[in-house]
Amino acid sequence: MGHDEYQKHDAKILTPSFIVLLTLAMIGFALILLRFVKGIGAVSNMSDGYPWGIWITYDVATGTAIACGGYAMAILVYIRNRMHYHPMIRSAILTSMFGYGLAGFSVMVDVGRPWNAYNFFVPSKWQANSAMFEVAVCVMAYTTVLIMEFLPAILTALERTEWKTLQYMLDRAYSRLGMERPERIGDRLDKVKELAAWARPRLDKILIFIIVLGITLPTMHQSSLGSLLLIASTKLHPLWHTGFLPLLFLINCMYIGYSIAILESVLSCYAFKRPFETKELSGLARIIPWLTAIWLSVVIGDLAWRGQLGTAVSFNFYSRFFLLEFCLIAGGSLLLFNKRRRESIRWLFVSAALIVLGGALYRFNVYLIGFNPGKGWHYFPALAEVMITVGIVAFEILGYQVLVKLLPVLPKLHTREQLAAKTATDTAIRHTIGHKALEH
């Protein structure tokens, strides 16, 4: 892996957006603490009829799909060998790491008896035939793999750091105590740098095996997230209940993954005042409409085979949500078939946002909106449930914002600028040679 392809974003950490995100995250975690003290009923409207609400629907079923940017980019870079996208992969991995880590955490918030969670680590308690068990194992394993994939960024930062901020803080702390900072602290910091320098090249040698795991695990559990609803044939509306659920969930996570990579790049470049990666994003945008075309074809073909096309256009409550999901995905995809729009940052952002919203709505439709446990059961999320989800998402964005300022995550700017300068120089040289040839 070329570590010189990346750089950290030199900017203040304490910004107005940092304060807002931190406030939302603190509110969310305060409510999570209330949930563990007073029980799940104190913050949630879930019931026996609706055993999961927006925590599982968004944080796990939808959030892991939105966090598939690292998975989608890994397929593109390491399977299809498109190495010119390599500088974009580290930020995608960081997004995925937060998304999957917080998805696993939200499951702990959702579990009715969290004190029994240790049974997951007791082999005699395992239910190997359960799709939910397979999802839990894969999510936990993939989170670990993502941390290992991101570890080179941490080791590179440790290897290159001068510890200036830490040393300044230690000097101030010791001076307030009227003491001198012991020299052994500096020696220990130097040992940390030496350890990082020793570990990084060794990690690079085995990173390809970690990447293979990072591609295999999401392929397994994303399809299993669809398999979970196969047994709910009497509770899930016919518009979404199909034997193709595992395949649809797998393709869905891929086109969402590429779309979220585009959104993450555009938003981070806009927020950090960096040049947009138009050429790379245009290349990603060429892949998305073909994936969505396959997905939409399977959906339409399946509805036709099961005789549900009339239901899809009946314009009742369920039909409207289905058509909204379908139109968002199809509309965003049609925009990307146009080359001129693929080369426009504005249209790239709009189309990717439409596809992410449509893909996310599909998962909401399957897990919540299209799910009906029977008469007498109703569910609408409590304010505390919503704020916990908002807090978790805010913490994810906050973590990304802080880490890109501390670690080399974003593509290195001068590399692209040098390439552009070299291209301009080469063009000028060719024109000069051509003019001289004509003169002779």
Protein backbone atom coordinates (compact mmCIF):
# COMPACT_ATOMS: atom_id res chain seq x y z
CA MET A 1 0.00 0.00 0.00
CA GLY A 2 1.36 3.42 -0.91
CA HIS A 3 1.14 5.44 2.30
CA ASP A 4 2.39 8.59 0.52
CA GLU A 5 -0.95 8.72 -1.35
CA TYR A 6 -2.66 10.10 1.74
CA GLN A 7 -2.49 13.15 3.97
CA LYS A 8 -4.25 14.51 7.02
CA HIS A 9 -6.41 17.60 6.75
CA ASP A 10 -4.66 20.44 8.58
CA ALA A 11 -7.45 22.34 10.29
CA LYS A 12 -8.88 23.12 13.71
CA ILE A 13 -10.70 20.31 15.47
CA LEU A 14 -12.87 22.57 17.65
CA THR A 15 -15.25 24.05 15.08
CA PRO A 16 -18.97 24.98 15.29
CA SER A 17 -19.92 21.72 13.56
CA PHE A 18 -17.81 19.81 16.10
CA ILE A 19 -19.80 21.42 18.97
CA VAL A 20 -23.16 20.64 17.32
CA LEU A 21 -22.25 17.01 16.58
CA LEU A 22 -20.79 16.53 20.06
CA THR A 23 -23.98 17.90 21.65
CA LEU A 24 -26.19 15.54 19.62
CA ALA A 25 -23.91 12.59 20.42
CA MET A 26 -23.99 13.41 24.16
CA ILE A 27 -27.80 13.60 24.14
CA GLY A 28 -27.95 10.24 22.36
CA PHE A 29 -25.52 8.56 24.76
CA ALA A 30 -27.31 10.05 27.78
CA LEU A 31 -30.53 8.41 26.54
CA ILE A 32 -28.64 5.15 26.00
CA LEU A 33 -27.52 5.34 29.64
CA LEU A 34 -31.17 5.90 30.64
CA ARG A 35 -32.12 2.81 28.60
CA PHE A 36 -29.64 0.64 30.54
CA VAL A 37 -30.71 2.08 33.91
CA LYS A 38 -34.51 2.06 33.49
CA GLY A 39 -34.97 -0.56 30.78
CA ILE A 40 -35.79 -0.48 27.09
CA GLY A 41 -39.43 0.55 27.71
CA ALA A 42 -38.28 3.90 29.09
CA VAL A 43 -36.97 5.07 25.72
CA SER A 44 -38.66 2.86 23.11
CA ASN A 45 -42.11 2.10 21.69
CA MET A 46 -41.12 -1.42 20.62
CA SER A 47 -43.33 -4.34 21.61
CA ASP A 48 -43.75 -8.09 21.17
CA GLY A 49 -45.38 -7.40 17.80
CA TYR A 50 -42.60 -5.05 16.72
CA PRO A 51 -39.49 -6.56 18.34
CA TRP A 52 -37.25 -4.15 16.41
CA GLY A 53 -37.69 -0.52 15.52
CA ILE A 54 -35.53 2.12 13.89
CA TRP A 55 -32.41 1.04 15.82
CA ILE A 56 -32.21 -2.25 13.94
CA THR A 57 -33.91 -0.92 10.80
CA TYR A 58 -31.51 1.99 10.36
CA ASP A 59 -28.39 1.28 12.43
CA VAL A 60 -28.03 -2.36 11.34
CA ALA A 61 -30.08 -3.17 8.23
CA THR A 62 -29.67 0.22 6.55
CA GLY A 63 -26.56 1.59 8.28
CA THR A 64 -24.39 -1.35 7.30
CA ALA A 65 -25.41 -0.88 3.64
CA ILE A 66 -24.52 2.82 3.84
CA ALA A 67 -21.24 1.71 5.43
CA CYS A 68 -20.42 -0.55 2.46
CA GLY A 69 -18.31 2.09 0.74
CA GLY A 70 -15.14 0.31 1.86
CA TYR A 71 -16.48 -3.03 0.61
CA ALA A 72 -17.50 -1.61 -2.79
CA MET A 73 -14.20 0.26 -3.23
CA ALA A 74 -12.18 -2.84 -2.24
CA ILE A 75 -13.92 -4.84 -5.00
CA LEU A 76 -13.13 -2.10 -7.50
CA VAL A 77 -9.48 -1.63 -6.47
CA TYR A 78 -8.33 -5.14 -5.56
CA ILE A 79 -10.61 -7.38 -7.63
CA ARG A 80 -10.99 -5.27 -10.77
CA ASN A 81 -7.45 -3.89 -10.35
CA ARG A 82 -8.44 -0.25 -10.78
CA MET A 83 -5.55 1.04 -8.69
CA HIS A 84 -6.08 4.69 -9.69
CA TYR A 85 -8.99 4.64 -7.20
CA HIS A 86 -6.64 3.55 -4.41
CA PRO A 87 -6.25 7.04 -2.86
CA MET A 88 -10.01 7.07 -2.17
CA ILE A 89 -10.14 3.78 -0.32
CA ARG A 90 -8.86 4.86 3.08
CA SER A 91 -11.65 7.40 3.67
CA ALA A 92 -14.18 4.77 2.53
CA ILE A 93 -12.72 2.27 5.01
CA LEU A 94 -12.93 4.86 7.81
CA THR A 95 -16.61 5.48 7.03
CA SER A 96 -17.27 1.72 6.97
CA MET A 97 -15.40 1.20 10.24
CA PHE A 98 -17.60 3.70 12.08
CA GLY A 99 -20.76 2.44 10.39
CA TYR A 100 -20.20 -1.21 11.26
CA GLY A 101 -18.79 -0.55 14.74
CA LEU A 102 -21.78 1.56 15.71
CA ALA A 103 -24.18 -0.96 14.11
CA GLY A 104 -22.80 -3.60 16.46
CA PHE A 105 -23.09 -1.19 19.37
CA SER A 106 -26.71 -0.36 18.53
CA VAL A 107 -27.58 -4.07 18.68
CA MET A 108 -26.45 -4.04 22.32
CA VAL A 109 -28.78 -1.09 22.94
CA ASP A 110 -31.64 -2.97 21.28
CA VAL A 111 -31.18 -6.30 23.08
CA GLY A 112 -33.94 -6.73 25.66
CA ARG A 113 -31.65 -8.47 28.17
CA PRO A 114 -28.17 -7.06 27.52
CA TRP A 115 -26.75 -8.82 30.57
CA ASN A 116 -27.12 -12.08 28.63
CA ALA A 117 -24.99 -10.81 25.73
CA TYR A 118 -21.98 -12.79 26.99
CA ASN A 119 -23.72 -15.94 25.68
CA PHE A 120 -22.63 -14.90 22.20
CA PHE A 121 -19.07 -15.80 23.19
CA VAL A 122 -20.05 -19.18 24.66
CA PRO A 123 -19.95 -21.82 21.86
CA SER A 124 -22.43 -24.08 23.64
CA LYS A 125 -25.03 -21.29 23.37
CA TRP A 126 -24.60 -20.74 19.63
CA GLN A 127 -27.41 -21.38 17.15
CA ALA A 128 -25.44 -22.05 13.98
CA ASN A 129 -28.61 -22.47 11.89
CA SER A 130 -29.71 -18.91 12.58
CA ALA A 131 -29.25 -16.22 9.90
CA MET A 132 -29.19 -13.66 12.72
CA PHE A 133 -26.26 -15.48 14.35
CA GLU A 134 -24.39 -15.48 11.03
CA VAL A 135 -25.03 -11.73 10.65
CA ALA A 136 -23.76 -11.09 14.20
CA VAL A 137 -20.57 -13.11 13.64
CA CYS A 138 -19.85 -11.46 10.28
CA VAL A 139 -20.54 -7.92 11.51
CA MET A 140 -18.23 -8.42 14.47
CA ALA A 141 -15.54 -10.04 12.32
CA TYR A 142 -15.85 -7.41 9.58
CA THR A 143 -15.56 -4.58 12.11
CA THR A 144 -12.31 -6.16 13.32
CA VAL A 145 -11.09 -6.49 9.73
CA LEU A 146 -11.90 -2.83 9.02
CA ILE A 147 -9.91 -1.76 12.08
CA MET A 148 -6.96 -3.80 10.82
CA GLU A 149 -7.32 -2.31 7.32
CA PHE A 150 -7.29 1.17 8.83
CA LEU A 151 -4.39 0.42 11.18
CA PRO A 152 -1.69 1.46 8.62
CA ALA A 153 -3.04 5.03 8.79
CA ILE A 154 -2.61 5.03 12.57
CA LEU A 155 0.86 3.47 12.41
CA THR A 156 1.96 5.96 9.72
CA ALA A 157 0.78 8.86 11.88
CA LEU A 158 2.59 7.48 14.95
CA GLU A 159 5.74 6.88 12.93
CA ARG A 160 5.84 10.46 11.61
CA THR A 161 4.56 12.40 14.61
CA GLU A 162 6.77 14.71 16.65
CA TRP A 163 4.38 14.63 19.64
CA LYS A 164 4.43 18.44 19.74
CA THR A 165 0.88 18.88 21.05
CA LEU A 166 1.25 16.10 23.62
CA GLN A 167 4.62 17.41 24.80
CA TYR A 168 3.22 20.94 25.08
CA MET A 169 0.30 19.69 27.19
CA LEU A 170 2.62 17.62 29.40
CA ASP A 171 4.99 20.57 29.87
CA ARG A 172 2.10 22.80 30.92
CA ALA A 173 0.72 20.16 33.28
CA TYR A 174 4.08 19.59 34.96
CA SER A 175 4.81 23.34 35.16
CA ARG A 176 1.52 23.91 36.96
CA LEU A 177 2.56 21.26 39.44
CA GLY A 178 5.90 22.97 39.82
CA MET A 179 7.78 19.97 38.42
CA GLU A 180 9.94 19.19 35.41
CA ARG A 181 8.77 16.68 32.87
CA PRO A 182 10.72 13.40 33.35
CA GLU A 183 12.96 12.46 30.42
CA ARG A 184 11.65 8.90 30.48
CA ILE A 185 8.35 10.15 29.02
CA GLY A 186 10.18 11.35 25.90
CA ASP A 187 11.99 8.01 25.69
CA ARG A 188 8.70 6.13 25.84
CA LEU A 189 7.22 8.29 23.09
CA ASP A 190 10.27 7.52 20.92
CA LYS A 191 9.74 3.81 21.59
CA VAL A 192 6.14 4.12 20.39
CA LYS A 193 7.43 5.62 17.12
CA GLU A 194 9.98 2.82 16.76
CA LEU A 195 7.29 0.20 17.40
CA ALA A 196 5.01 1.78 14.77
CA ALA A 197 7.89 1.85 12.26
CA TRP A 198 8.58 -1.84 12.99
CA ALA A 199 4.92 -2.94 12.78
CA ARG A 200 3.78 -1.05 9.67
CA PRO A 201 5.81 -2.90 6.97
CA ARG A 202 4.97 -6.24 8.59
CA LEU A 203 1.27 -5.39 8.57
CA ASP A 204 1.55 -4.40 4.89
CA LYS A 205 2.79 -7.91 4.05
CA ILE A 206 -0.34 -9.59 5.43
CA LEU A 207 -2.79 -6.82 4.46
CA ILE A 208 -3.87 -8.58 1.26
CA PHE A 209 -5.23 -11.51 3.31
CA ILE A 210 -7.12 -9.07 5.54
CA ILE A 211 -8.54 -7.39 2.42
CA VAL A 212 -9.77 -10.76 1.10
CA LEU A 213 -11.64 -11.25 4.39
CA GLY A 214 -12.94 -7.70 4.07
CA ILE A 215 -14.52 -8.58 0.73
CA THR A 216 -15.83 -12.01 1.76
CA LEU A 217 -17.57 -11.11 5.03
CA PRO A 218 -19.95 -8.39 3.72
CA THR A 219 -20.90 -10.65 0.81
CA MET A 220 -22.06 -13.18 3.39
CA HIS A 221 -23.87 -11.04 5.92
CA GLN A 222 -25.48 -8.54 3.54
CA SER A 223 -27.29 -11.41 1.81
CA SER A 224 -28.15 -12.84 5.24
CA LEU A 225 -29.83 -9.56 6.22
CA GLY A 226 -32.26 -10.34 3.41
CA SER A 227 -32.54 -13.98 4.49
CA LEU A 228 -33.79 -12.88 7.94
CA LEU A 229 -37.12 -11.79 6.44
CA LEU A 230 -37.65 -14.93 4.34
CA ILE A 231 -39.37 -16.62 7.29
CA ALA A 232 -41.79 -13.67 7.69
CA SER A 233 -43.94 -14.66 4.71
CA THR A 234 -47.21 -13.88 6.54
CA LYS A 235 -45.95 -10.61 8.06
CA LEU A 236 -43.99 -8.97 5.23
CA HIS A 237 -46.03 -7.40 2.44
CA PRO A 238 -45.94 -9.31 -0.91
CA LEU A 239 -44.33 -6.32 -2.64
CA TRP A 240 -41.13 -7.06 -0.72
CA HIS A 241 -41.35 -10.68 0.39
CA THR A 242 -39.56 -12.77 -2.22
CA GLY A 243 -37.08 -15.60 -2.43
CA PHE A 244 -34.71 -13.11 -4.08
CA LEU A 245 -34.31 -11.08 -0.86
CA PRO A 246 -30.69 -12.27 -0.24
CA LEU A 247 -29.66 -11.35 -3.82
CA LEU A 248 -31.51 -8.03 -3.73
CA PHE A 249 -29.87 -7.06 -0.43
CA LEU A 250 -26.41 -7.92 -1.76
CA ILE A 251 -26.78 -5.86 -4.97
CA ASN A 252 -28.47 -3.09 -2.97
CA CYS A 253 -25.47 -2.74 -0.64
CA MET A 254 -23.10 -2.51 -3.62
CA TYR A 255 -24.81 0.35 -5.44
CA ILE A 256 -25.36 2.14 -2.12
CA GLY A 257 -21.66 1.61 -1.33
CA TYR A 258 -20.47 3.28 -4.55
CA SER A 259 -23.04 6.07 -4.16
CA ILE A 260 -22.02 6.78 -0.58
CA ALA A 261 -18.36 6.88 -1.68
CA ILE A 262 -19.35 9.66 -4.10
CA LEU A 263 -21.33 11.55 -1.44
CA GLU A 264 -18.55 11.20 1.13
CA SER A 265 -15.98 12.52 -1.34
CA VAL A 266 -18.11 15.47 -2.49
CA LEU A 267 -19.13 16.48 1.04
CA SER A 268 -15.63 16.17 2.51
CA CYS A 269 -14.08 18.11 -0.39
CA TYR A 270 -16.73 20.82 0.00
CA ALA A 271 -16.42 20.99 3.80
CA PHE A 272 -12.60 20.92 3.81
CA LYS A 273 -12.28 23.23 0.77
CA ARG A 274 -10.39 20.65 -1.29
CA PRO A 275 -10.56 20.24 -5.09
CA PHE A 276 -13.30 17.82 -6.16
CA GLU A 277 -12.20 14.37 -7.37
CA THR A 278 -14.33 14.70 -10.50
CA LYS A 279 -12.46 12.23 -12.71
CA GLU A 280 -12.45 9.45 -10.10
CA LEU A 281 -16.09 10.03 -9.12
CA SER A 282 -17.16 10.02 -12.76
CA GLY A 283 -15.54 6.60 -13.11
CA LEU A 284 -17.42 5.30 -10.06
CA ALA A 285 -20.66 6.73 -11.45
CA ARG A 286 -20.34 4.59 -14.58
CA ILE A 287 -20.68 1.41 -12.48
CA ILE A 288 -23.74 2.38 -10.44
CA PRO A 289 -26.51 2.47 -13.11
CA TRP A 290 -25.60 -1.02 -14.35
CA LEU A 291 -25.89 -2.41 -10.82
CA THR A 292 -29.21 -0.66 -10.27
CA ALA A 293 -30.42 -1.86 -13.69
CA ILE A 294 -29.77 -5.46 -12.61
CA TRP A 295 -31.50 -4.83 -9.27
CA LEU A 296 -34.55 -3.16 -10.84
CA SER A 297 -34.81 -5.95 -13.44
CA VAL A 298 -34.87 -8.60 -10.71
CA VAL A 299 -37.52 -6.63 -8.80
CA ILE A 300 -39.79 -6.17 -11.83
CA GLY A 301 -39.26 -9.74 -13.08
CA ASP A 302 -40.03 -11.15 -9.64
CA LEU A 303 -43.20 -9.06 -9.26
CA ALA A 304 -44.36 -10.19 -12.72
CA TRP A 305 -43.61 -13.84 -11.92
CA ARG A 306 -45.58 -13.64 -8.65
CA GLY A 307 -48.45 -11.66 -10.20
CA GLN A 308 -47.88 -8.58 -8.01
CA LEU A 309 -47.43 -5.89 -10.69
CA GLY A 310 -51.02 -4.73 -10.14
CA THR A 311 -50.35 -4.44 -6.41
CA ALA A 312 -47.28 -2.31 -7.14
CA VAL A 313 -49.37 0.31 -8.97
CA SER A 314 -52.50 0.17 -6.78
CA PHE A 315 -51.46 3.44 -5.08
CA ASN A 316 -52.39 2.29 -1.59
CA PHE A 317 -50.16 2.90 1.45
CA TYR A 318 -47.66 0.14 0.61
CA SER A 319 -47.71 0.81 -3.12
CA ARG A 320 -46.77 4.47 -2.60
CA PHE A 321 -43.70 3.55 -0.57
CA PHE A 322 -42.73 0.94 -3.15
CA LEU A 323 -43.10 3.39 -6.03
CA LEU A 324 -41.16 6.08 -4.15
CA GLU A 325 -38.29 3.68 -3.53
CA PHE A 326 -38.39 2.52 -7.17
CA CYS A 327 -38.51 6.05 -8.62
CA LEU A 328 -35.67 7.34 -6.44
CA ILE A 329 -33.36 4.52 -7.52
CA ALA A 330 -34.41 4.56 -11.18
CA GLY A 331 -34.32 8.37 -11.40
CA GLY A 332 -30.83 8.63 -9.90
CA SER A 333 -29.58 5.87 -12.19
CA LEU A 334 -30.99 7.45 -15.36
CA LEU A 335 -29.07 10.64 -14.55
CA LEU A 336 -25.82 8.68 -14.44
CA PHE A 337 -26.28 7.16 -17.90
CA ASN A 338 -25.60 10.63 -19.28
CA LYS A 339 -21.84 11.30 -19.66
CA ARG A 340 -22.19 15.07 -19.25
CA ARG A 341 -24.00 14.66 -15.93
CA ARG A 342 -21.43 12.10 -14.75
CA GLU A 343 -18.77 14.77 -15.18
CA SER A 344 -20.70 17.38 -13.21
CA ILE A 345 -20.14 17.43 -9.44
CA ARG A 346 -23.61 18.85 -8.88
CA TRP A 347 -25.35 16.06 -10.83
CA LEU A 348 -23.08 13.42 -9.30
CA PHE A 349 -24.15 14.58 -5.85
CA VAL A 350 -27.85 14.71 -6.76
CA SER A 351 -27.90 11.29 -8.44
CA ALA A 352 -25.89 9.60 -5.67
CA ALA A 353 -28.17 11.15 -3.02
CA LEU A 354 -31.29 9.89 -4.84
CA ILE A 355 -29.86 6.37 -5.09
CA VAL A 356 -28.78 6.28 -1.43
CA LEU A 357 -32.21 7.53 -0.32
CA GLY A 358 -34.00 5.01 -2.56
CA GLY A 359 -31.74 2.13 -1.49
CA ALA A 360 -32.15 3.04 2.18
CA LEU A 361 -35.94 3.31 1.77
CA TYR A 362 -35.96 -0.19 0.28
CA ARG A 363 -34.44 -1.55 3.48
CA PHE A 364 -36.84 0.49 5.61
CA ASN A 365 -39.71 -0.92 3.55
CA VAL A 366 -38.54 -4.49 4.10
CA TYR A 367 -37.71 -4.21 7.80
CA LEU A 368 -40.32 -1.77 9.06
CA ILE A 369 -42.85 -0.17 6.71
CA GLY A 370 -43.83 -3.39 4.90
CA PHE A 371 -43.73 -5.43 8.12
CA ASN A 372 -47.18 -6.07 9.68
CA PRO A 373 -47.31 -8.49 12.64
CA GLY A 374 -51.12 -8.51 12.68
CA LYS A 375 -54.11 -6.67 14.09
CA GLY A 376 -53.67 -4.80 17.33
CA TRP A 377 -49.98 -4.08 16.89
CA HIS A 378 -48.81 -0.57 16.10
CA TYR A 379 -45.40 1.08 16.14
CA PHE A 380 -44.09 4.58 15.75
CA PRO A 381 -40.64 5.44 17.14
CA ALA A 382 -40.48 7.39 20.38
CA LEU A 383 -38.57 10.68 20.43
CA ALA A 384 -35.88 9.03 22.57
CA GLU A 385 -35.46 6.27 19.95
CA VAL A 386 -35.00 8.88 17.23
CA MET A 387 -32.54 10.89 19.32
CA ILE A 388 -30.47 7.79 20.11
CA THR A 389 -30.17 7.06 16.39
CA VAL A 390 -29.35 10.73 15.69
CA GLY A 391 -26.73 10.62 18.45
CA ILE A 392 -25.09 7.51 16.99
CA VAL A 393 -25.01 9.04 13.49
CA ALA A 394 -23.65 12.32 14.91
CA PHE A 395 -20.90 10.41 16.71
CA GLU A 396 -20.01 8.64 13.45
CA ILE A 397 -19.70 11.95 11.54
CA LEU A 398 -17.82 13.50 14.45
CA GLY A 399 -15.34 10.63 14.54
CA TYR A 400 -14.72 10.92 10.80
CA GLN A 401 -14.27 14.69 11.07
CA VAL A 402 -11.71 14.35 13.87
CA LEU A 403 -9.71 11.40 12.48
CA VAL A 404 -9.18 12.94 9.03
CA LYS A 405 -7.57 15.87 10.85
CA LEU A 406 -5.31 13.64 12.94
CA LEU A 407 -4.42 10.82 10.52
CA PRO A 408 -3.43 10.56 6.82
CA VAL A 409 -6.81 9.54 5.40
CA LEU A 410 -7.70 11.87 2.53
CA PRO A 411 -6.05 11.64 -0.92
CA LYS A 412 -2.87 13.69 -1.10
CA LEU A 413 -3.50 16.95 -2.92
CA HIS A 414 -0.06 17.64 -4.35
CA THR A 415 -0.01 14.27 -6.13
CA ARG A 416 -3.01 15.23 -8.25
CA GLU A 417 -1.64 18.74 -8.79
CA GLN A 418 1.73 17.40 -9.89
CA LEU A 419 0.06 15.01 -12.33
CA ALA A 420 -1.98 17.87 -13.78
CA ALA A 421 1.15 20.01 -14.10
CA LYS A 422 2.99 17.12 -15.74
CA THR A 423 0.13 16.60 -18.20
CA ALA A 424 0.12 20.32 -19.07
CA THR A 425 3.89 20.26 -19.54
CA ASP A 426 3.72 17.17 -21.74
CA THR A 427 1.00 18.80 -23.85
CA ALA A 428 3.07 21.98 -24.24
CA ILE A 429 6.11 19.93 -25.26
CA ARG A 430 4.09 18.03 -27.87
CA HIS A 431 2.74 21.28 -29.31
CA THR A 432 6.25 22.74 -29.44
CA ILE A 433 7.61 19.67 -31.22
CA GLY A 434 4.71 19.76 -33.64
CA HIS A 435 5.27 23.45 -34.48
CA LYS A 436 9.00 22.86 -35.06
CA ALA A 437 8.27 19.91 -37.31
CA LEU A 438 5.93 22.06 -39.39
CA GLU A 439 8.52 24.82 -39.63
CA HIS A 440 11.08 22.38 -41.00
